[in-house]
Amino acid sequence: MKLNLVALIILPIMVVSLFLGFLLSNIDSSNKLDAYSIAISFIGLFATFGGAYLGAKKSGDIAYERDRRNEEIRKENDIEKIKNIILMNKFYLDGIYHLFIDLYFIDENIKFLSILKNKRYELYNEQNHPIDLKNNKHIHFLNEYVNDFNTTGFYNKYNNVINDIDLFINILHDISFEMKDFSNAEKNTIYKLKQVLPKFKTFIRKSKSGHTYYFDIPSEDSKNELKSIFLDYCLLIIDVQEKILKSSI
C-alpha cells in the first residue's frame, strides 16, 4: 500500500518534469541538453524531498511503535504490581471469611465460595443485588449451611480481626489510586470491598475482659443484616480472585 502511494506521487512528477524538458527543448532546440538537465533537476529535487519525507515517516513509525510498546509494558508492570500487593495481603480477606466458617457453619470444611459461585445468578443480579429481596431468598440459601447466627465470642487467631479489617481497608485505599489501567469492573470490586469491610466492625465488640471479641447480634433483623453482609463479602472475594487475580476459586 505504501509503495503504491509513493508510485502515485513520483510517477506524475517524473512525467510532468520530462514533459517540461521536452517542451523547453522544443522552444529552444539549441539548448536541448540544458532543458532536459532542468527537468532532471526537478526530478532530483522532488526525489530528495520524497526521500526525506519517507525517511522521516519511517523514523516516526518506529518511534510510535516503540512508545506504544513501552506504554504496554508500563501498564503490564503496574497491573502486576497491584495484583501482587493484593495477593500478598489476601490472607486478611481469607481470615475474615474463615472466622465465619469456624463460628457459624455446620461443616467447617465446606467449600462455600464454590457453592455460592454456582448459585450466584439464581440469587443475585450482575450488580450483586439480591434478586428476591422481599422473600430473602439469599438468606434462606445461607441458612442451609449455617447454625444460627448468635452472639458468639472469638479469640486466638481472630483476636486482631478489627486491626486486620483496618489494615486491608488502608491497602485498598492506597491501591485504588493506582488502578487507572484496570477495567471498570475490577475498580468497582475494590470500591465495593471498601464499602463492605467497615460494616463488619459495627457488629464486633470487645469483651469486658478485653481478651476476646464477639459479634453483637441483638435481633433477628441484625442477624439477617450480618448474613447479608457476609454474603456480599463472599461475592467480592470471588470477584477479587477471578476478575482481578485471574484465578479460579
C-alpha atoms as a PDB file:
ATOM      1  CA  MET A   1       0.000   0.000   0.000  1.00  0.00           C
ATOM      2  CA  LYS A   2       2.805   2.432   0.918  1.00  0.00           C
ATOM      3  CA  LEU A   3       4.743   1.544  -2.275  1.00  0.00           C
ATOM      4  CA  ASN A   4       1.643   2.176  -4.391  1.00  0.00           C
ATOM      5  CA  LEU A   5       1.185   5.579  -2.741  1.00  0.00           C
ATOM      6  CA  VAL A   6       4.818   6.528  -3.407  1.00  0.00           C
ATOM      7  CA  ALA A   7       4.485   5.420  -7.022  1.00  0.00           C
ATOM      8  CA  LEU A   8       1.337   7.517  -7.437  1.00  0.00           C
ATOM      9  CA  ILE A   9       3.229  10.570  -6.209  1.00  0.00           C
ATOM     10  CA  ILE A  10       6.568  10.095  -8.023  1.00  0.00           C
ATOM     11  CA  LEU A  11       5.364   8.932 -11.441  1.00  0.00           C
ATOM     12  CA  PRO A  12       3.264  12.050 -12.177  1.00  0.00           C
ATOM     13  CA  ILE A  13       6.189  14.242 -11.085  1.00  0.00           C
ATOM     14  CA  MET A  14       8.535  12.380 -13.450  1.00  0.00           C
ATOM     15  CA  VAL A  15       6.054  12.630 -16.311  1.00  0.00           C
ATOM     16  CA  VAL A  16       5.496  16.360 -15.733  1.00  0.00           C
ATOM     17  CA  SER A  17       9.252  17.018 -15.433  1.00  0.00           C
ATOM     18  CA  LEU A  18      10.067  15.106 -18.635  1.00  0.00           C
ATOM     19  CA  PHE A  19       7.235  16.847 -20.430  1.00  0.00           C
ATOM     20  CA  LEU A  20       8.634  20.195 -19.204  1.00  0.00           C
ATOM     21  CA  GLY A  21      12.069  19.190 -20.533  1.00  0.00           C
ATOM     22  CA  PHE A  22      10.550  18.198 -23.856  1.00  0.00           C
ATOM     23  CA  LEU A  23       8.609  21.469 -24.026  1.00  0.00           C
ATOM     24  CA  LEU A  24      11.672  23.613 -23.229  1.00  0.00           C
ATOM     25  CA  SER A  25      13.801  21.704 -25.761  1.00  0.00           C
ATOM     26  CA  ASN A  26      11.271  22.455 -28.475  1.00  0.00           C
ATOM     27  CA  ILE A  27      11.192  26.145 -27.593  1.00  0.00           C
ATOM     28  CA  ASP A  28      14.973  26.419 -27.806  1.00  0.00           C
ATOM     29  CA  SER A  29      16.214  23.443 -29.793  1.00  0.00           C
ATOM     30  CA  SER A  30      19.822  24.628 -29.462  1.00  0.00           C
ATOM     31  CA  ASN A  31      19.707  24.013 -25.699  1.00  0.00           C
ATOM     32  CA  LYS A  32      18.009  20.626 -25.549  1.00  0.00           C
ATOM     33  CA  LEU A  33      20.605  19.292 -23.131  1.00  0.00           C
ATOM     34  CA  ASP A  34      20.046  22.203 -20.745  1.00  0.00           C
ATOM     35  CA  ALA A  35      16.288  21.739 -20.966  1.00  0.00           C
ATOM     36  CA  TYR A  36      16.494  18.095 -20.019  1.00  0.00           C
ATOM     37  CA  SER A  37      19.011  18.941 -17.303  1.00  0.00           C
ATOM     38  CA  ILE A  38      16.446  21.300 -15.788  1.00  0.00           C
ATOM     39  CA  ALA A  39      13.809  18.568 -15.989  1.00  0.00           C
ATOM     40  CA  ILE A  40      16.134  16.035 -14.357  1.00  0.00           C
ATOM     41  CA  SER A  41      16.947  18.598 -11.662  1.00  0.00           C
ATOM     42  CA  PHE A  42      13.223  18.895 -10.894  1.00  0.00           C
ATOM     43  CA  ILE A  43      13.022  15.131 -10.596  1.00  0.00           C
ATOM     44  CA  GLY A  44      16.077  15.093  -8.311  1.00  0.00           C
ATOM     45  CA  LEU A  45      14.599  17.873  -6.179  1.00  0.00           C
ATOM     46  CA  PHE A  46      11.328  16.062  -5.697  1.00  0.00           C
ATOM     47  CA  ALA A  47      13.165  12.769  -5.112  1.00  0.00           C
ATOM     48  CA  THR A  48      15.227  14.439  -2.380  1.00  0.00           C
ATOM     49  CA  PHE A  49      12.134  15.785  -0.666  1.00  0.00           C
ATOM     50  CA  GLY A  50      10.350  12.481  -1.172  1.00  0.00           C
ATOM     51  CA  GLY A  51      13.235  10.534   0.334  1.00  0.00           C
ATOM     52  CA  ALA A  52      13.412  12.904   3.283  1.00  0.00           C
ATOM     53  CA  TYR A  53       9.663  12.516   3.821  1.00  0.00           C
ATOM     54  CA  LEU A  54       9.786   8.721   3.661  1.00  0.00           C
ATOM     55  CA  GLY A  55      12.786   8.627   5.988  1.00  0.00           C
ATOM     56  CA  ALA A  56      11.080  10.924   8.499  1.00  0.00           C
ATOM     57  CA  LYS A  57       7.851   8.902   8.296  1.00  0.00           C
ATOM     58  CA  LYS A  58       9.708   5.640   8.846  1.00  0.00           C
ATOM     59  CA  SER A  59      11.518   7.100  11.863  1.00  0.00           C
ATOM     60  CA  GLY A  60       8.199   8.400  13.193  1.00  0.00           C
ATOM     61  CA  ASP A  61       6.543   4.985  12.759  1.00  0.00           C
ATOM     62  CA  ILE A  62       9.415   3.287  14.586  1.00  0.00           C
ATOM     63  CA  ALA A  63       9.285   5.854  17.429  1.00  0.00           C
ATOM     64  CA  TYR A  64       5.494   5.485  17.708  1.00  0.00           C
ATOM     65  CA  GLU A  65       5.714   1.697  17.855  1.00  0.00           C
ATOM     66  CA  ARG A  66       8.487   1.899  20.476  1.00  0.00           C
ATOM     67  CA  ASP A  67       6.466   4.318  22.623  1.00  0.00           C
ATOM     68  CA  ARG A  68       3.344   2.184  22.243  1.00  0.00           C
ATOM     69  CA  ARG A  69       5.204  -0.934  23.341  1.00  0.00           C
ATOM     70  CA  ASN A  70       6.830   0.900  26.260  1.00  0.00           C
ATOM     71  CA  GLU A  71       3.376   2.067  27.368  1.00  0.00           C
ATOM     72  CA  GLU A  72       2.060  -1.504  27.161  1.00  0.00           C
ATOM     73  CA  ILE A  73       4.977  -2.734  29.277  1.00  0.00           C
ATOM     74  CA  ARG A  74       4.362   0.042  31.828  1.00  0.00           C
ATOM     75  CA  LYS A  75       0.671  -0.913  32.077  1.00  0.00           C
ATOM     76  CA  GLU A  76       1.511  -4.606  32.425  1.00  0.00           C
ATOM     77  CA  ASN A  77       4.049  -3.853  35.176  1.00  0.00           C
ATOM     78  CA  ASP A  78       1.653  -1.557  37.057  1.00  0.00           C
ATOM     79  CA  ILE A  79      -1.163  -4.104  36.888  1.00  0.00           C
ATOM     80  CA  GLU A  80       1.155  -6.896  38.031  1.00  0.00           C
ATOM     81  CA  LYS A  81       2.377  -4.765  40.942  1.00  0.00           C
ATOM     82  CA  ILE A  82      -1.197  -4.146  42.168  1.00  0.00           C
ATOM     83  CA  LYS A  83      -2.067  -7.825  41.795  1.00  0.00           C
ATOM     84  CA  ASN A  84       0.977  -8.802  43.845  1.00  0.00           C
ATOM     85  CA  ILE A  85       0.018  -6.355  46.612  1.00  0.00           C
ATOM     86  CA  ILE A  86      -3.483  -7.851  46.771  1.00  0.00           C
ATOM     87  CA  LEU A  87      -2.138 -11.404  46.651  1.00  0.00           C
ATOM     88  CA  MET A  88       0.413 -10.791  49.428  1.00  0.00           C
ATOM     89  CA  ASN A  89      -2.295  -9.339  51.699  1.00  0.00           C
ATOM     90  CA  LYS A  90      -5.150 -11.626  50.730  1.00  0.00           C
ATOM     91  CA  PHE A  91      -4.798 -13.560  53.977  1.00  0.00           C
ATOM     92  CA  TYR A  92      -6.663 -10.661  55.633  1.00  0.00           C
ATOM     93  CA  LEU A  93      -9.635 -11.371  53.382  1.00  0.00           C
ATOM     94  CA  ASP A  94      -9.365 -15.105  53.934  1.00  0.00           C
ATOM     95  CA  GLY A  95      -9.110 -14.609  57.708  1.00  0.00           C
ATOM     96  CA  ILE A  96     -12.453 -12.800  57.940  1.00  0.00           C
ATOM     97  CA  TYR A  97     -14.084 -15.440  55.751  1.00  0.00           C
ATOM     98  CA  HIS A  98     -12.712 -18.315  57.857  1.00  0.00           C
ATOM     99  CA  LEU A  99     -13.843 -16.577  61.043  1.00  0.00           C
ATOM    100  CA  PHE A 100     -17.457 -17.029  59.895  1.00  0.00           C
ATOM    101  CA  ILE A 101     -16.787 -20.583  58.717  1.00  0.00           C
ATOM    102  CA  ASP A 102     -15.387 -21.521  62.144  1.00  0.00           C
ATOM    103  CA  LEU A 103     -18.096 -19.761  64.144  1.00  0.00           C
ATOM    104  CA  TYR A 104     -21.280 -20.471  62.265  1.00  0.00           C
ATOM    105  CA  PHE A 105     -21.012 -23.089  59.530  1.00  0.00           C
ATOM    106  CA  ILE A 106     -22.197 -26.615  60.157  1.00  0.00           C
ATOM    107  CA  ASP A 107     -19.331 -28.090  58.160  1.00  0.00           C
ATOM    108  CA  GLU A 108     -16.037 -26.310  58.830  1.00  0.00           C
ATOM    109  CA  ASN A 109     -14.520 -27.914  55.725  1.00  0.00           C
ATOM    110  CA  ILE A 110     -17.223 -26.631  53.400  1.00  0.00           C
ATOM    111  CA  LYS A 111     -16.184 -25.053  50.085  1.00  0.00           C
ATOM    112  CA  PHE A 112     -18.808 -22.379  50.472  1.00  0.00           C
ATOM    113  CA  LEU A 113     -17.351 -19.943  47.935  1.00  0.00           C
ATOM    114  CA  SER A 114     -17.607 -22.576  45.206  1.00  0.00           C
ATOM    115  CA  ILE A 115     -21.198 -23.346  46.200  1.00  0.00           C
ATOM    116  CA  LEU A 116     -22.109 -19.646  46.185  1.00  0.00           C
ATOM    117  CA  LYS A 117     -20.394 -19.135  42.839  1.00  0.00           C
ATOM    118  CA  ASN A 118     -22.515 -21.868  41.253  1.00  0.00           C
ATOM    119  CA  LYS A 119     -25.732 -20.427  42.724  1.00  0.00           C
ATOM    120  CA  ARG A 120     -24.775 -16.790  42.265  1.00  0.00           C
ATOM    121  CA  TYR A 121     -27.067 -15.768  39.428  1.00  0.00           C
ATOM    122  CA  GLU A 122     -30.014 -17.580  40.947  1.00  0.00           C
ATOM    123  CA  LEU A 123     -29.660 -15.294  43.973  1.00  0.00           C
ATOM    124  CA  TYR A 124     -28.062 -12.074  42.706  1.00  0.00           C
ATOM    125  CA  ASN A 125     -28.072  -9.890  39.607  1.00  0.00           C
ATOM    126  CA  GLU A 126     -24.987  -8.551  37.799  1.00  0.00           C
ATOM    127  CA  GLN A 127     -24.660  -5.711  40.337  1.00  0.00           C
ATOM    128  CA  ASN A 128     -24.651  -8.190  43.275  1.00  0.00           C
ATOM    129  CA  HIS A 129     -28.121  -7.096  44.386  1.00  0.00           C
ATOM    130  CA  PRO A 130     -30.371  -9.879  45.739  1.00  0.00           C
ATOM    131  CA  ILE A 131     -32.949 -10.902  43.132  1.00  0.00           C
ATOM    132  CA  ASP A 132     -35.678 -11.841  45.623  1.00  0.00           C
ATOM    133  CA  LEU A 133     -35.059  -9.433  48.482  1.00  0.00           C
ATOM    134  CA  LYS A 134     -38.698  -9.480  49.572  1.00  0.00           C
ATOM    135  CA  ASN A 135     -38.536 -13.176  50.451  1.00  0.00           C
ATOM    136  CA  ASN A 136     -34.854 -13.110  51.493  1.00  0.00           C
ATOM    137  CA  LYS A 137     -34.013 -15.926  49.114  1.00  0.00           C
ATOM    138  CA  HIS A 138     -30.281 -15.309  49.595  1.00  0.00           C
ATOM    139  CA  ILE A 139     -30.646 -15.559  53.386  1.00  0.00           C
ATOM    140  CA  HIS A 140     -32.572 -18.831  53.117  1.00  0.00           C
ATOM    141  CA  PHE A 141     -29.806 -20.150  50.884  1.00  0.00           C
ATOM    142  CA  LEU A 142     -27.167 -19.332  53.519  1.00  0.00           C
ATOM    143  CA  ASN A 143     -29.305 -20.840  56.304  1.00  0.00           C
ATOM    144  CA  GLU A 144     -28.957 -24.244  54.679  1.00  0.00           C
ATOM    145  CA  TYR A 145     -25.252 -24.265  55.586  1.00  0.00           C
ATOM    146  CA  VAL A 146     -25.019 -22.454  58.922  1.00  0.00           C
ATOM    147  CA  ASN A 147     -26.044 -22.738  62.504  1.00  0.00           C
ATOM    148  CA  ASP A 148     -27.981 -19.803  63.852  1.00  0.00           C
ATOM    149  CA  PHE A 149     -26.001 -16.538  63.973  1.00  0.00           C
ATOM    150  CA  ASN A 150     -25.793 -15.922  67.700  1.00  0.00           C
ATOM    151  CA  THR A 151     -23.707 -13.592  69.838  1.00  0.00           C
ATOM    152  CA  THR A 152     -20.543 -15.662  69.838  1.00  0.00           C
ATOM    153  CA  GLY A 153     -17.093 -14.869  71.181  1.00  0.00           C
ATOM    154  CA  PHE A 154     -13.914 -15.466  69.224  1.00  0.00           C
ATOM    155  CA  TYR A 155     -10.268 -15.286  70.171  1.00  0.00           C
ATOM    156  CA  ASN A 156      -6.785 -16.608  69.448  1.00  0.00           C
ATOM    157  CA  LYS A 157      -6.042 -16.269  65.716  1.00  0.00           C
ATOM    158  CA  TYR A 158      -9.054 -13.994  65.183  1.00  0.00           C
ATOM    159  CA  ASN A 159      -8.251 -11.623  68.018  1.00  0.00           C
ATOM    160  CA  ASN A 160      -6.838  -8.993  65.658  1.00  0.00           C
ATOM    161  CA  VAL A 161      -9.779  -9.039  63.271  1.00  0.00           C
ATOM    162  CA  ILE A 162     -10.547  -5.320  63.695  1.00  0.00           C
ATOM    163  CA  ASN A 163      -6.926  -4.418  63.001  1.00  0.00           C
ATOM    164  CA  ASP A 164      -6.947  -6.781  60.021  1.00  0.00           C
ATOM    165  CA  ILE A 165     -10.034  -5.067  58.608  1.00  0.00           C
ATOM    166  CA  ASP A 166      -8.493  -1.621  59.084  1.00  0.00           C
ATOM    167  CA  LEU A 167      -5.201  -2.695  57.528  1.00  0.00           C
ATOM    168  CA  PHE A 168      -6.848  -4.145  54.441  1.00  0.00           C
ATOM    169  CA  ILE A 169      -9.090  -1.084  54.033  1.00  0.00           C
ATOM    170  CA  ASN A 170      -5.948   1.079  54.044  1.00  0.00           C
ATOM    171  CA  ILE A 171      -4.312  -1.187  51.464  1.00  0.00           C
ATOM    172  CA  LEU A 172      -7.401  -0.969  49.248  1.00  0.00           C
ATOM    173  CA  HIS A 173      -7.458   2.794  49.658  1.00  0.00           C
ATOM    174  CA  ASP A 174      -3.826   3.084  48.558  1.00  0.00           C
ATOM    175  CA  ILE A 175      -4.072   0.817  45.524  1.00  0.00           C
ATOM    176  CA  SER A 176      -7.349   2.340  44.311  1.00  0.00           C
ATOM    177  CA  PHE A 177      -5.405   5.451  43.240  1.00  0.00           C
ATOM    178  CA  GLU A 178      -3.090   3.319  41.096  1.00  0.00           C
ATOM    179  CA  MET A 179      -5.720   1.244  39.277  1.00  0.00           C
ATOM    180  CA  LYS A 180      -6.157   3.513  36.241  1.00  0.00           C
ATOM    181  CA  ASP A 181      -5.173   0.655  33.911  1.00  0.00           C
ATOM    182  CA  PHE A 182      -7.735  -1.782  35.383  1.00  0.00           C
ATOM    183  CA  SER A 183     -11.205  -2.335  33.956  1.00  0.00           C
ATOM    184  CA  ASN A 184     -14.250  -0.623  35.446  1.00  0.00           C
ATOM    185  CA  ALA A 185     -15.467  -3.983  36.770  1.00  0.00           C
ATOM    186  CA  GLU A 186     -12.168  -4.528  38.608  1.00  0.00           C
ATOM    187  CA  LYS A 187     -12.190  -0.997  40.045  1.00  0.00           C
ATOM    188  CA  ASN A 188     -15.789  -1.480  41.131  1.00  0.00           C
ATOM    189  CA  THR A 189     -14.882  -4.670  43.002  1.00  0.00           C
ATOM    190  CA  ILE A 190     -12.266  -2.794  45.046  1.00  0.00           C
ATOM    191  CA  TYR A 191     -14.692   0.072  45.666  1.00  0.00           C
ATOM    192  CA  LYS A 192     -17.420  -2.292  46.926  1.00  0.00           C
ATOM    193  CA  LEU A 193     -14.948  -4.138  49.127  1.00  0.00           C
ATOM    194  CA  LYS A 194     -14.010  -0.829  50.779  1.00  0.00           C
ATOM    195  CA  GLN A 195     -17.725  -0.280  51.481  1.00  0.00           C
ATOM    196  CA  VAL A 196     -18.440  -3.758  52.864  1.00  0.00           C
ATOM    197  CA  LEU A 197     -15.464  -4.283  55.189  1.00  0.00           C
ATOM    198  CA  PRO A 198     -16.317  -1.475  57.681  1.00  0.00           C
ATOM    199  CA  LYS A 199     -19.835  -2.912  58.068  1.00  0.00           C
ATOM    200  CA  PHE A 200     -18.419  -5.920  59.926  1.00  0.00           C
ATOM    201  CA  LYS A 201     -16.965  -3.605  62.555  1.00  0.00           C
ATOM    202  CA  THR A 202     -20.434  -2.345  63.512  1.00  0.00           C
ATOM    203  CA  PHE A 203     -21.180  -5.842  64.858  1.00  0.00           C
ATOM    204  CA  ILE A 204     -17.861  -6.533  66.602  1.00  0.00           C
ATOM    205  CA  ARG A 205     -17.493  -5.769  70.311  1.00  0.00           C
ATOM    206  CA  LYS A 206     -14.645  -6.322  72.740  1.00  0.00           C
ATOM    207  CA  SER A 207     -15.430  -8.360  75.843  1.00  0.00           C
ATOM    208  CA  LYS A 208     -15.222  -6.805  79.296  1.00  0.00           C
ATOM    209  CA  SER A 209     -12.022  -8.700  79.954  1.00  0.00           C
ATOM    210  CA  GLY A 210     -10.523  -7.154  76.820  1.00  0.00           C
ATOM    211  CA  HIS A 211      -9.103 -10.512  75.761  1.00  0.00           C
ATOM    212  CA  THR A 212     -11.795 -11.588  73.294  1.00  0.00           C
ATOM    213  CA  TYR A 213     -14.191 -10.132  70.752  1.00  0.00           C
ATOM    214  CA  TYR A 214     -17.712 -11.141  69.885  1.00  0.00           C
ATOM    215  CA  PHE A 215     -20.410 -10.421  67.316  1.00  0.00           C
ATOM    216  CA  ASP A 216     -23.194  -8.407  68.896  1.00  0.00           C
ATOM    217  CA  ILE A 217     -26.429  -9.656  67.284  1.00  0.00           C
ATOM    218  CA  PRO A 218     -29.351  -8.327  69.362  1.00  0.00           C
ATOM    219  CA  SER A 219     -32.254  -9.065  66.994  1.00  0.00           C
ATOM    220  CA  GLU A 220     -33.456 -11.099  64.044  1.00  0.00           C
ATOM    221  CA  ASP A 221     -33.036  -8.080  61.781  1.00  0.00           C
ATOM    222  CA  SER A 222     -29.417  -7.719  62.938  1.00  0.00           C
ATOM    223  CA  LYS A 223     -28.880 -11.393  62.259  1.00  0.00           C
ATOM    224  CA  ASN A 224     -30.157 -11.104  58.680  1.00  0.00           C
ATOM    225  CA  GLU A 225     -28.162  -7.933  58.129  1.00  0.00           C
ATOM    226  CA  LEU A 226     -24.932  -9.639  59.173  1.00  0.00           C
ATOM    227  CA  LYS A 227     -25.744 -12.605  56.947  1.00  0.00           C
ATOM    228  CA  SER A 228     -26.315 -10.257  54.001  1.00  0.00           C
ATOM    229  CA  ILE A 229     -23.012  -8.507  54.662  1.00  0.00           C
ATOM    230  CA  PHE A 230     -21.213 -11.842  54.820  1.00  0.00           C
ATOM    231  CA  LEU A 231     -22.753 -12.962  51.514  1.00  0.00           C
ATOM    232  CA  ASP A 232     -21.821  -9.662  49.851  1.00  0.00           C
ATOM    233  CA  TYR A 233     -18.316 -10.151  51.169  1.00  0.00           C
ATOM    234  CA  CYS A 234     -18.123 -13.674  49.753  1.00  0.00           C
ATOM    235  CA  LEU A 235     -19.200 -12.449  46.319  1.00  0.00           C
ATOM    236  CA  LEU A 236     -16.450  -9.841  46.391  1.00  0.00           C
ATOM    237  CA  ILE A 237     -13.843 -12.428  47.411  1.00  0.00           C
ATOM    238  CA  ILE A 238     -14.903 -14.432  44.348  1.00  0.00           C
ATOM    239  CA  ASP A 239     -14.586 -11.313  42.156  1.00  0.00           C
ATOM    240  CA  VAL A 240     -11.166 -10.413  43.560  1.00  0.00           C
ATOM    241  CA  GLN A 241      -9.954 -13.944  42.913  1.00  0.00           C
ATOM    242  CA  GLU A 242     -11.396 -14.334  39.435  1.00  0.00           C
ATOM    243  CA  LYS A 243     -11.667 -10.826  37.943  1.00  0.00           C
ATOM    244  CA  ILE A 244      -8.531  -9.238  39.393  1.00  0.00           C
ATOM    245  CA  LEU A 245      -6.147 -12.085  40.240  1.00  0.00           C
ATOM    246  CA  LYS A 246      -7.404 -14.099  37.253  1.00  0.00           C
ATOM    247  CA  SER A 247      -7.514 -17.431  39.094  1.00  0.00           C
ATOM    248  CA  SER A 248     -10.391 -19.753  39.899  1.00  0.00           C
ATOM    249  CA  ILE A 249     -11.977 -20.290  43.301  1.00  0.00           C
END
